[in-house]
Amino acid sequence: MSPRHRQLAGSAIAQLRAHALAVTLELGPYSLRVVELDPDDMPKLRRHACLDLTHSRITLRRDLTPSQWMRAFVHTLVRVIHYSHATLIHASTEEHLTHSLASGLSQLARRNPQFTWALLRALNPHVRRSDSAPVRIAVGAVSWRVTLLTHKAATRLRVFGQADLQRRRLELDPALSGTQLAVIFLHELLHGLHDAVGVVDHTPPHVAHARESIALSRFLAHNPQAAGWWFGLLQARTDPARAMQARATPARSNPVRTGAARSSQAAVAGTRRSRAAGRHRVASRTRA
C-alpha cells in the first residue's frame, strides 16, 4: 500500500468511526448505538468489541488502532446480523449462514445508506457507485466471472442464481433487479467466500463469523466496482436491471453462453444452487 493510499484509508476509517459514533444503526428489530469505552470499562476486558443487546449498543475499546477498530467493528456487525436472523445455533448450515448474511447486509444498506457508504469507503476509499455489473471479481485469491443464465435455463433449473465452485463462475437470473438482484448476488458470492475460507455445514458459529468478517472485508476492499454496484442496487435510483441486461448482448463477452451450456449439466459437482419453491428459496450442493 502506497503512502497516499494509506493516508486515504486512514482518513476514511476516521470518518466512519465518527459517523458510527454519531448515529443509531437500524438492523432487524434493533436500534443500536456505537460507543467507545476505556479498556478497563469494557464488559469483557480482553475483547476489542462487545455486542450488548441488553443496552442496545455495540461497544469498542477506545485505544484500538484504525485497523483493529475496523476488524472488530465488521466482526460485530456480522454477529448481530446473524443473531437477528436466528443463525447463531450450532445446527446452522452453510446455506443458513449465506442467506442470513446476504439479506442482513442488504437490509443494513437499505436502512442505513449513509453509514453503509462510509463503511465501504473505509474498506476502499476508491469505491464509486456504478450502474454496470462487474464482469470479473476477486474471490479470495481467485478470479471469478459474473455471467447471466439464459431465461430458459433459469426457468428450467428453477434458480435465481448459482455459484459454480469448480468453474469459478457466479451466474445470475437476467430477470432480477434492484434489491433481489443485490441479495442474490451477495448470496452466491458468499458461497464462494465460504468455500475459500473453509466455512461449511456446522462450522462453529464463532469460527464462521470470524472467517466471514475477514473474507467479506477483503472482498469489498479488493472489488470496489462490485461494491459500488451492489450498493447502488439497494438505493432505488434508476432501473438497475439495465446493466445486467446489457451484459446479455454478444458485444460484452457473450455471457449467456454459460446458461445454455448448462442444459446438459444439471448435476455439476461442486455447484451451489438457490432453488425457488414458491416464494421460498433454498440451496443445495449438487453432486455428479
C-alpha atoms as a PDB file:
ATOM      1  CA  MET A   1       0.000   0.000   0.000  1.00  0.00           C
ATOM      2  CA  SER A   2       1.393   3.367  -1.050  1.00  0.00           C
ATOM      3  CA  PRO A   3       1.689   6.208   1.493  1.00  0.00           C
ATOM      4  CA  ARG A   4      -1.042   8.097  -0.387  1.00  0.00           C
ATOM      5  CA  HIS A   5      -3.433   5.134  -0.254  1.00  0.00           C
ATOM      6  CA  ARG A   6      -2.618   4.550   3.408  1.00  0.00           C
ATOM      7  CA  GLN A   7      -3.432   8.175   4.158  1.00  0.00           C
ATOM      8  CA  LEU A   8      -6.749   7.961   2.297  1.00  0.00           C
ATOM      9  CA  ALA A   9      -7.654   4.728   4.065  1.00  0.00           C
ATOM     10  CA  GLY A  10      -6.844   6.198   7.471  1.00  0.00           C
ATOM     11  CA  SER A  11      -8.972   9.255   6.745  1.00  0.00           C
ATOM     12  CA  ALA A  12     -11.901   7.118   5.543  1.00  0.00           C
ATOM     13  CA  ILE A  13     -11.751   4.932   8.668  1.00  0.00           C
ATOM     14  CA  ALA A  14     -11.697   8.041  10.858  1.00  0.00           C
ATOM     15  CA  GLN A  15     -14.794   9.341   9.050  1.00  0.00           C
ATOM     16  CA  LEU A  16     -16.584   6.015   9.506  1.00  0.00           C
ATOM     17  CA  ARG A  17     -15.647   5.950  13.167  1.00  0.00           C
ATOM     18  CA  ALA A  18     -17.015   9.446  13.734  1.00  0.00           C
ATOM     19  CA  HIS A  19     -20.175   8.664  11.768  1.00  0.00           C
ATOM     20  CA  ALA A  20     -20.800   5.388  13.614  1.00  0.00           C
ATOM     21  CA  LEU A  21     -20.488   7.119  16.993  1.00  0.00           C
ATOM     22  CA  ALA A  22     -22.976   9.797  15.943  1.00  0.00           C
ATOM     23  CA  VAL A  23     -25.840   7.720  14.550  1.00  0.00           C
ATOM     24  CA  THR A  24     -28.161   4.914  15.583  1.00  0.00           C
ATOM     25  CA  LEU A  25     -27.964   1.811  13.411  1.00  0.00           C
ATOM     26  CA  GLU A  26     -31.260   0.212  12.425  1.00  0.00           C
ATOM     27  CA  LEU A  27     -30.874  -3.518  11.874  1.00  0.00           C
ATOM     28  CA  GLY A  28     -33.568  -6.152  12.196  1.00  0.00           C
ATOM     29  CA  PRO A  29     -35.569  -5.412  15.364  1.00  0.00           C
ATOM     30  CA  TYR A  30     -32.684  -3.440  16.900  1.00  0.00           C
ATOM     31  CA  SER A  31     -31.710   0.213  17.089  1.00  0.00           C
ATOM     32  CA  LEU A  32     -28.063   0.141  18.117  1.00  0.00           C
ATOM     33  CA  ARG A  33     -25.690   2.834  19.311  1.00  0.00           C
ATOM     34  CA  VAL A  34     -21.942   2.530  18.863  1.00  0.00           C
ATOM     35  CA  VAL A  35     -19.922   3.584  21.903  1.00  0.00           C
ATOM     36  CA  GLU A  36     -16.239   3.505  22.797  1.00  0.00           C
ATOM     37  CA  LEU A  37     -15.007   2.671  26.285  1.00  0.00           C
ATOM     38  CA  ASP A  38     -11.671   2.560  28.056  1.00  0.00           C
ATOM     39  CA  PRO A  39     -10.231  -0.976  28.242  1.00  0.00           C
ATOM     40  CA  ASP A  40     -10.991  -1.305  31.964  1.00  0.00           C
ATOM     41  CA  ASP A  41     -14.646  -0.390  31.371  1.00  0.00           C
ATOM     42  CA  MET A  42     -15.315  -2.968  28.672  1.00  0.00           C
ATOM     43  CA  PRO A  43     -17.907  -5.647  29.577  1.00  0.00           C
ATOM     44  CA  LYS A  44     -15.290  -8.268  28.706  1.00  0.00           C
ATOM     45  CA  LEU A  45     -11.829  -6.939  29.424  1.00  0.00           C
ATOM     46  CA  ARG A  46      -9.848  -8.738  26.742  1.00  0.00           C
ATOM     47  CA  ARG A  47     -12.349  -8.163  23.927  1.00  0.00           C
ATOM     48  CA  HIS A  48     -11.817  -5.481  21.310  1.00  0.00           C
ATOM     49  CA  ALA A  49     -15.598  -5.231  20.837  1.00  0.00           C
ATOM     50  CA  CYS A  50     -18.747  -6.471  22.555  1.00  0.00           C
ATOM     51  CA  LEU A  51     -22.323  -6.802  21.358  1.00  0.00           C
ATOM     52  CA  ASP A  52     -24.516  -5.572  24.213  1.00  0.00           C
ATOM     53  CA  LEU A  53     -28.114  -6.053  23.069  1.00  0.00           C
ATOM     54  CA  THR A  54     -29.435  -5.606  26.609  1.00  0.00           C
ATOM     55  CA  HIS A  55     -28.434  -1.953  26.401  1.00  0.00           C
ATOM     56  CA  SER A  56     -28.849  -1.681  22.605  1.00  0.00           C
ATOM     57  CA  ARG A  57     -25.240  -0.896  21.873  1.00  0.00           C
ATOM     58  CA  ILE A  58     -22.017  -2.044  20.263  1.00  0.00           C
ATOM     59  CA  THR A  59     -19.045  -1.261  22.479  1.00  0.00           C
ATOM     60  CA  LEU A  60     -15.475  -0.955  21.225  1.00  0.00           C
ATOM     61  CA  ARG A  61     -12.228  -0.230  23.006  1.00  0.00           C
ATOM     62  CA  ARG A  62     -11.188   3.396  22.691  1.00  0.00           C
ATOM     63  CA  ASP A  63      -7.476   2.566  22.364  1.00  0.00           C
ATOM     64  CA  LEU A  64      -7.739   0.456  19.189  1.00  0.00           C
ATOM     65  CA  THR A  65      -5.706   1.340  16.123  1.00  0.00           C
ATOM     66  CA  PRO A  66      -7.716   2.126  12.949  1.00  0.00           C
ATOM     67  CA  SER A  67      -7.129  -1.360  11.501  1.00  0.00           C
ATOM     68  CA  GLN A  68      -8.001  -3.048  14.801  1.00  0.00           C
ATOM     69  CA  TRP A  69     -11.152  -0.938  15.077  1.00  0.00           C
ATOM     70  CA  MET A  70     -12.255  -1.888  11.553  1.00  0.00           C
ATOM     71  CA  ARG A  71     -11.719  -5.625  12.117  1.00  0.00           C
ATOM     72  CA  ALA A  72     -13.558  -5.581  15.439  1.00  0.00           C
ATOM     73  CA  PHE A  73     -16.419  -3.474  14.110  1.00  0.00           C
ATOM     74  CA  VAL A  74     -17.063  -5.555  10.967  1.00  0.00           C
ATOM     75  CA  HIS A  75     -16.881  -8.754  13.039  1.00  0.00           C
ATOM     76  CA  THR A  76     -19.506  -7.367  15.421  1.00  0.00           C
ATOM     77  CA  LEU A  77     -21.772  -6.350  12.523  1.00  0.00           C
ATOM     78  CA  VAL A  78     -21.603  -9.908  11.178  1.00  0.00           C
ATOM     79  CA  ARG A  79     -22.514 -11.259  14.615  1.00  0.00           C
ATOM     80  CA  VAL A  80     -25.529  -9.013  15.109  1.00  0.00           C
ATOM     81  CA  ILE A  81     -26.802  -9.754  11.593  1.00  0.00           C
ATOM     82  CA  HIS A  82     -26.726 -13.483  12.270  1.00  0.00           C
ATOM     83  CA  TYR A  83     -28.255 -13.050  15.712  1.00  0.00           C
ATOM     84  CA  SER A  84     -31.165 -11.064  14.293  1.00  0.00           C
ATOM     85  CA  HIS A  85     -31.760 -13.907  11.810  1.00  0.00           C
ATOM     86  CA  ALA A  86     -31.513 -16.672  14.458  1.00  0.00           C
ATOM     87  CA  THR A  87     -28.428 -18.271  12.892  1.00  0.00           C
ATOM     88  CA  LEU A  88     -26.244 -18.472  15.968  1.00  0.00           C
ATOM     89  CA  ILE A  89     -27.199 -22.048  16.744  1.00  0.00           C
ATOM     90  CA  HIS A  90     -24.722 -24.878  16.166  1.00  0.00           C
ATOM     91  CA  ALA A  91     -27.146 -26.593  13.790  1.00  0.00           C
ATOM     92  CA  SER A  92     -26.919 -23.717  11.284  1.00  0.00           C
ATOM     93  CA  THR A  93     -25.839 -24.916   7.865  1.00  0.00           C
ATOM     94  CA  GLU A  94     -23.641 -23.087   5.379  1.00  0.00           C
ATOM     95  CA  GLU A  95     -26.797 -22.166   3.469  1.00  0.00           C
ATOM     96  CA  HIS A  96     -28.340 -20.613   6.608  1.00  0.00           C
ATOM     97  CA  LEU A  97     -25.234 -18.506   7.141  1.00  0.00           C
ATOM     98  CA  THR A  98     -25.138 -17.487   3.482  1.00  0.00           C
ATOM     99  CA  HIS A  99     -28.655 -16.142   3.179  1.00  0.00           C
ATOM    100  CA  SER A 100     -28.651 -14.667   6.679  1.00  0.00           C
ATOM    101  CA  LEU A 101     -25.602 -12.533   5.918  1.00  0.00           C
ATOM    102  CA  ALA A 102     -26.675 -11.666   2.353  1.00  0.00           C
ATOM    103  CA  SER A 103     -30.124 -10.464   3.396  1.00  0.00           C
ATOM    104  CA  GLY A 104     -28.843  -8.815   6.581  1.00  0.00           C
ATOM    105  CA  LEU A 105     -26.140  -6.783   4.831  1.00  0.00           C
ATOM    106  CA  SER A 106     -28.614  -5.727   2.157  1.00  0.00           C
ATOM    107  CA  GLN A 107     -31.053  -4.648   4.863  1.00  0.00           C
ATOM    108  CA  LEU A 108     -28.273  -2.695   6.566  1.00  0.00           C
ATOM    109  CA  ALA A 109     -27.527  -0.847   3.321  1.00  0.00           C
ATOM    110  CA  ARG A 110     -31.193  -0.016   2.666  1.00  0.00           C
ATOM    111  CA  ARG A 111     -31.955   1.202   6.179  1.00  0.00           C
ATOM    112  CA  ASN A 112     -28.611   2.916   6.841  1.00  0.00           C
ATOM    113  CA  PRO A 113     -27.344   4.120   3.447  1.00  0.00           C
ATOM    114  CA  GLN A 114     -25.013   6.889   4.678  1.00  0.00           C
ATOM    115  CA  PHE A 115     -23.427   4.589   7.236  1.00  0.00           C
ATOM    116  CA  THR A 116     -23.030   1.756   4.707  1.00  0.00           C
ATOM    117  CA  TRP A 117     -21.388   4.073   2.170  1.00  0.00           C
ATOM    118  CA  ALA A 118     -18.973   5.269   4.856  1.00  0.00           C
ATOM    119  CA  LEU A 119     -18.211   1.618   5.654  1.00  0.00           C
ATOM    120  CA  LEU A 120     -17.485   0.800   2.005  1.00  0.00           C
ATOM    121  CA  ARG A 121     -15.229   3.864   1.701  1.00  0.00           C
ATOM    122  CA  ALA A 122     -13.368   2.856   4.856  1.00  0.00           C
ATOM    123  CA  LEU A 123     -12.651  -0.533   3.274  1.00  0.00           C
ATOM    124  CA  ASN A 124     -11.587   1.075  -0.023  1.00  0.00           C
ATOM    125  CA  PRO A 125     -11.517   4.888  -0.422  1.00  0.00           C
ATOM    126  CA  HIS A 126     -11.741   4.486  -4.217  1.00  0.00           C
ATOM    127  CA  VAL A 127     -15.202   2.895  -4.223  1.00  0.00           C
ATOM    128  CA  ARG A 128     -17.641   4.626  -6.572  1.00  0.00           C
ATOM    129  CA  ARG A 129     -21.256   4.000  -7.422  1.00  0.00           C
ATOM    130  CA  SER A 130     -21.636   2.095 -10.670  1.00  0.00           C
ATOM    131  CA  ASP A 131     -24.554   1.172 -12.915  1.00  0.00           C
ATOM    132  CA  SER A 132     -22.502  -1.588 -14.548  1.00  0.00           C
ATOM    133  CA  ALA A 133     -22.432  -5.088 -13.149  1.00  0.00           C
ATOM    134  CA  PRO A 134     -18.938  -6.499 -12.617  1.00  0.00           C
ATOM    135  CA  VAL A 135     -17.585  -8.875 -15.248  1.00  0.00           C
ATOM    136  CA  ARG A 136     -14.870 -10.337 -13.021  1.00  0.00           C
ATOM    137  CA  ILE A 137     -14.458 -10.338  -9.258  1.00  0.00           C
ATOM    138  CA  ALA A 138     -11.685 -11.487  -6.935  1.00  0.00           C
ATOM    139  CA  VAL A 139     -12.988 -14.171  -4.574  1.00  0.00           C
ATOM    140  CA  GLY A 140     -10.199 -14.834  -2.134  1.00  0.00           C
ATOM    141  CA  ALA A 141      -7.080 -15.198  -4.277  1.00  0.00           C
ATOM    142  CA  VAL A 142      -9.017 -16.396  -7.336  1.00  0.00           C
ATOM    143  CA  SER A 143     -10.671 -14.533 -10.217  1.00  0.00           C
ATOM    144  CA  TRP A 144     -14.322 -15.395 -10.859  1.00  0.00           C
ATOM    145  CA  ARG A 145     -16.569 -14.494 -13.794  1.00  0.00           C
ATOM    146  CA  VAL A 146     -20.005 -12.947 -13.274  1.00  0.00           C
ATOM    147  CA  THR A 147     -22.358 -14.143 -16.005  1.00  0.00           C
ATOM    148  CA  LEU A 148     -26.054 -14.402 -16.816  1.00  0.00           C
ATOM    149  CA  LEU A 149     -28.106 -17.527 -17.063  1.00  0.00           C
ATOM    150  CA  THR A 150     -30.413 -17.641 -20.044  1.00  0.00           C
ATOM    151  CA  HIS A 151     -34.048 -17.123 -19.133  1.00  0.00           C
ATOM    152  CA  LYS A 152     -34.744 -20.667 -20.353  1.00  0.00           C
ATOM    153  CA  ALA A 153     -32.015 -22.141 -18.153  1.00  0.00           C
ATOM    154  CA  ALA A 154     -33.093 -20.138 -15.086  1.00  0.00           C
ATOM    155  CA  THR A 155     -36.690 -21.307 -15.553  1.00  0.00           C
ATOM    156  CA  ARG A 156     -35.734 -24.945 -16.153  1.00  0.00           C
ATOM    157  CA  LEU A 157     -33.325 -25.096 -13.229  1.00  0.00           C
ATOM    158  CA  ARG A 158     -35.725 -23.079 -11.030  1.00  0.00           C
ATOM    159  CA  VAL A 159     -32.925 -20.852  -9.745  1.00  0.00           C
ATOM    160  CA  PHE A 160     -32.327 -17.139  -9.202  1.00  0.00           C
ATOM    161  CA  GLY A 161     -28.582 -17.706  -9.253  1.00  0.00           C
ATOM    162  CA  GLN A 162     -25.822 -20.182  -8.589  1.00  0.00           C
ATOM    163  CA  ALA A 163     -22.158 -20.234  -7.662  1.00  0.00           C
ATOM    164  CA  ASP A 164     -20.155 -22.757  -9.647  1.00  0.00           C
ATOM    165  CA  LEU A 165     -17.283 -23.538  -7.289  1.00  0.00           C
ATOM    166  CA  GLN A 166     -15.395 -25.656  -9.800  1.00  0.00           C
ATOM    167  CA  ARG A 167     -15.537 -23.346 -12.806  1.00  0.00           C
ATOM    168  CA  ARG A 168     -15.347 -20.234 -10.614  1.00  0.00           C
ATOM    169  CA  ARG A 169     -18.393 -18.621 -12.090  1.00  0.00           C
ATOM    170  CA  LEU A 170     -21.230 -16.686 -10.474  1.00  0.00           C
ATOM    171  CA  GLU A 171     -24.386 -16.986 -12.572  1.00  0.00           C
ATOM    172  CA  LEU A 172     -27.489 -14.801 -12.162  1.00  0.00           C
ATOM    173  CA  ASP A 173     -31.038 -14.839 -13.491  1.00  0.00           C
ATOM    174  CA  PRO A 174     -31.303 -11.974 -16.046  1.00  0.00           C
ATOM    175  CA  ALA A 175     -34.822 -11.157 -14.788  1.00  0.00           C
ATOM    176  CA  LEU A 176     -33.517  -9.997 -11.399  1.00  0.00           C
ATOM    177  CA  SER A 177     -33.264  -6.316 -10.496  1.00  0.00           C
ATOM    178  CA  GLY A 178     -32.993  -3.979  -7.532  1.00  0.00           C
ATOM    179  CA  THR A 179     -32.977  -5.428  -4.031  1.00  0.00           C
ATOM    180  CA  GLN A 180     -33.476  -9.031  -5.168  1.00  0.00           C
ATOM    181  CA  LEU A 181     -30.506  -8.805  -7.531  1.00  0.00           C
ATOM    182  CA  ALA A 182     -28.367  -7.331  -4.733  1.00  0.00           C
ATOM    183  CA  VAL A 183     -29.364 -10.080  -2.273  1.00  0.00           C
ATOM    184  CA  ILE A 184     -28.862 -12.943  -4.736  1.00  0.00           C
ATOM    185  CA  PHE A 185     -25.528 -11.583  -5.961  1.00  0.00           C
ATOM    186  CA  LEU A 186     -24.291 -11.390  -2.377  1.00  0.00           C
ATOM    187  CA  HIS A 187     -25.800 -14.778  -1.537  1.00  0.00           C
ATOM    188  CA  GLU A 188     -23.968 -16.546  -4.363  1.00  0.00           C
ATOM    189  CA  LEU A 189     -20.781 -14.581  -3.687  1.00  0.00           C
ATOM    190  CA  LEU A 190     -20.826 -15.748  -0.065  1.00  0.00           C
ATOM    191  CA  HIS A 191     -20.914 -19.367  -1.210  1.00  0.00           C
ATOM    192  CA  GLY A 192     -17.635 -18.654  -2.991  1.00  0.00           C
ATOM    193  CA  LEU A 193     -16.156 -16.829   0.009  1.00  0.00           C
ATOM    194  CA  HIS A 194     -17.223 -19.622   2.354  1.00  0.00           C
ATOM    195  CA  ASP A 195     -15.544 -22.169   0.096  1.00  0.00           C
ATOM    196  CA  ALA A 196     -12.367 -20.077   0.040  1.00  0.00           C
ATOM    197  CA  VAL A 197     -12.092 -19.745   3.840  1.00  0.00           C
ATOM    198  CA  GLY A 198     -13.457 -23.138   4.879  1.00  0.00           C
ATOM    199  CA  VAL A 199     -16.923 -22.321   6.220  1.00  0.00           C
ATOM    200  CA  VAL A 200     -19.029 -25.466   5.812  1.00  0.00           C
ATOM    201  CA  ASP A 201     -22.132 -27.011   7.335  1.00  0.00           C
ATOM    202  CA  HIS A 202     -21.916 -26.971  11.127  1.00  0.00           C
ATOM    203  CA  THR A 203     -18.768 -24.854  11.349  1.00  0.00           C
ATOM    204  CA  PRO A 204     -18.875 -23.487  14.931  1.00  0.00           C
ATOM    205  CA  PRO A 205     -20.615 -20.087  14.833  1.00  0.00           C
ATOM    206  CA  HIS A 206     -17.748 -18.119  16.394  1.00  0.00           C
ATOM    207  CA  VAL A 207     -15.337 -19.586  13.830  1.00  0.00           C
ATOM    208  CA  ALA A 208     -17.710 -18.976  10.915  1.00  0.00           C
ATOM    209  CA  HIS A 209     -18.364 -15.360  11.916  1.00  0.00           C
ATOM    210  CA  ALA A 210     -14.677 -14.554  12.276  1.00  0.00           C
ATOM    211  CA  ARG A 211     -13.864 -16.057   8.876  1.00  0.00           C
ATOM    212  CA  GLU A 212     -16.835 -14.355   7.217  1.00  0.00           C
ATOM    213  CA  SER A 213     -15.931 -10.926   8.536  1.00  0.00           C
ATOM    214  CA  ILE A 214     -12.349 -11.203   7.268  1.00  0.00           C
ATOM    215  CA  ALA A 215     -13.340 -12.643   3.876  1.00  0.00           C
ATOM    216  CA  LEU A 216     -16.098 -10.077   3.335  1.00  0.00           C
ATOM    217  CA  SER A 217     -13.843  -7.154   4.304  1.00  0.00           C
ATOM    218  CA  ARG A 218     -11.176  -8.318   1.875  1.00  0.00           C
ATOM    219  CA  PHE A 219     -13.683  -8.796  -0.917  1.00  0.00           C
ATOM    220  CA  LEU A 220     -15.142  -5.302  -0.549  1.00  0.00           C
ATOM    221  CA  ALA A 221     -11.644  -3.826  -0.288  1.00  0.00           C
ATOM    222  CA  HIS A 222     -10.385  -5.609  -3.420  1.00  0.00           C
ATOM    223  CA  ASN A 223     -13.532  -5.185  -5.544  1.00  0.00           C
ATOM    224  CA  PRO A 224     -14.588  -1.511  -5.253  1.00  0.00           C
ATOM    225  CA  GLN A 225     -16.527  -1.539  -8.547  1.00  0.00           C
ATOM    226  CA  ALA A 226     -18.601  -4.558  -7.445  1.00  0.00           C
ATOM    227  CA  ALA A 227     -19.139  -2.977  -4.018  1.00  0.00           C
ATOM    228  CA  GLY A 228     -20.371   0.281  -5.564  1.00  0.00           C
ATOM    229  CA  TRP A 229     -22.682  -1.566  -7.961  1.00  0.00           C
ATOM    230  CA  TRP A 230     -24.170  -3.701  -5.158  1.00  0.00           C
ATOM    231  CA  PHE A 231     -24.771  -0.602  -3.029  1.00  0.00           C
ATOM    232  CA  GLY A 232     -26.412   1.231  -5.928  1.00  0.00           C
ATOM    233  CA  LEU A 233     -28.878  -1.618  -6.489  1.00  0.00           C
ATOM    234  CA  LEU A 234     -30.251  -1.051  -2.986  1.00  0.00           C
ATOM    235  CA  GLN A 235     -30.771   2.689  -3.311  1.00  0.00           C
ATOM    236  CA  ALA A 236     -33.732   2.605  -5.750  1.00  0.00           C
ATOM    237  CA  ARG A 237     -32.458   5.275  -8.149  1.00  0.00           C
ATOM    238  CA  THR A 238     -32.963   4.104 -11.752  1.00  0.00           C
ATOM    239  CA  ASP A 239     -33.796   0.678 -13.098  1.00  0.00           C
ATOM    240  CA  PRO A 240     -30.740  -1.392 -12.060  1.00  0.00           C
ATOM    241  CA  ALA A 241     -31.671  -4.250 -14.401  1.00  0.00           C
ATOM    242  CA  ARG A 242     -30.322  -2.288 -17.381  1.00  0.00           C
ATOM    243  CA  ALA A 243     -26.727  -3.026 -16.502  1.00  0.00           C
ATOM    244  CA  MET A 244     -27.383  -6.758 -16.220  1.00  0.00           C
ATOM    245  CA  GLN A 245     -29.491  -6.833 -19.416  1.00  0.00           C
ATOM    246  CA  ALA A 246     -26.704  -5.036 -21.285  1.00  0.00           C
ATOM    247  CA  ARG A 247     -24.418  -7.908 -20.373  1.00  0.00           C
ATOM    248  CA  ALA A 248     -26.616 -10.265 -22.437  1.00  0.00           C
ATOM    249  CA  THR A 249     -25.519  -8.728 -25.758  1.00  0.00           C
ATOM    250  CA  PRO A 250     -22.832 -10.533 -27.826  1.00  0.00           C
ATOM    251  CA  ALA A 251     -20.612  -7.423 -27.659  1.00  0.00           C
ATOM    252  CA  ARG A 252     -19.995  -7.993 -23.952  1.00  0.00           C
ATOM    253  CA  SER A 253     -18.174 -11.349 -23.870  1.00  0.00           C
ATOM    254  CA  ASN A 254     -21.383 -13.330 -24.622  1.00  0.00           C
ATOM    255  CA  PRO A 255     -22.203 -14.326 -21.018  1.00  0.00           C
ATOM    256  CA  VAL A 256     -25.465 -16.090 -21.981  1.00  0.00           C
ATOM    257  CA  ARG A 257     -23.413 -18.939 -23.418  1.00  0.00           C
ATOM    258  CA  THR A 258     -22.870 -20.295 -19.913  1.00  0.00           C
ATOM    259  CA  GLY A 259     -26.543 -20.764 -19.084  1.00  0.00           C
ATOM    260  CA  ALA A 260     -27.247 -22.524 -22.375  1.00  0.00           C
ATOM    261  CA  ALA A 261     -24.277 -24.833 -21.919  1.00  0.00           C
ATOM    262  CA  ARG A 262     -25.604 -25.955 -18.536  1.00  0.00           C
ATOM    263  CA  SER A 263     -28.688 -27.594 -20.102  1.00  0.00           C
ATOM    264  CA  SER A 264     -26.935 -30.968 -20.102  1.00  0.00           C
ATOM    265  CA  GLN A 265     -25.109 -30.393 -16.813  1.00  0.00           C
ATOM    266  CA  ALA A 266     -27.839 -30.012 -14.204  1.00  0.00           C
ATOM    267  CA  ALA A 267     -25.833 -32.146 -11.774  1.00  0.00           C
ATOM    268  CA  VAL A 268     -22.417 -30.492 -11.964  1.00  0.00           C
ATOM    269  CA  ALA A 269     -20.353 -31.408  -8.893  1.00  0.00           C
ATOM    270  CA  GLY A 270     -19.473 -28.567  -6.590  1.00  0.00           C
ATOM    271  CA  THR A 271     -22.261 -26.192  -7.676  1.00  0.00           C
ATOM    272  CA  ARG A 272     -24.338 -24.241  -5.177  1.00  0.00           C
ATOM    273  CA  ARG A 273     -27.889 -23.577  -6.365  1.00  0.00           C
ATOM    274  CA  SER A 274     -30.503 -21.295  -4.900  1.00  0.00           C
ATOM    275  CA  ARG A 275     -33.753 -23.055  -5.766  1.00  0.00           C
ATOM    276  CA  ALA A 276     -37.141 -21.394  -5.862  1.00  0.00           C
ATOM    277  CA  ALA A 277     -40.078 -23.253  -4.291  1.00  0.00           C
ATOM    278  CA  GLY A 278     -42.926 -20.777  -4.473  1.00  0.00           C
ATOM    279  CA  ARG A 279     -41.536 -17.756  -2.646  1.00  0.00           C
ATOM    280  CA  HIS A 280     -39.123 -19.794  -0.541  1.00  0.00           C
ATOM    281  CA  ARG A 281     -35.535 -20.267  -1.658  1.00  0.00           C
ATOM    282  CA  VAL A 282     -33.169 -22.991  -0.573  1.00  0.00           C
ATOM    283  CA  ALA A 283     -29.788 -24.016  -1.874  1.00  0.00           C
ATOM    284  CA  SER A 284     -28.126 -27.377  -2.261  1.00  0.00           C
ATOM    285  CA  ARG A 285     -24.845 -28.757  -3.497  1.00  0.00           C
ATOM    286  CA  THR A 286     -25.430 -30.957  -6.490  1.00  0.00           C
ATOM    287  CA  ARG A 287     -23.122 -33.903  -6.998  1.00  0.00           C
ATOM    288  CA  ALA A 288     -22.389 -35.983 -10.048  1.00  0.00           C
END
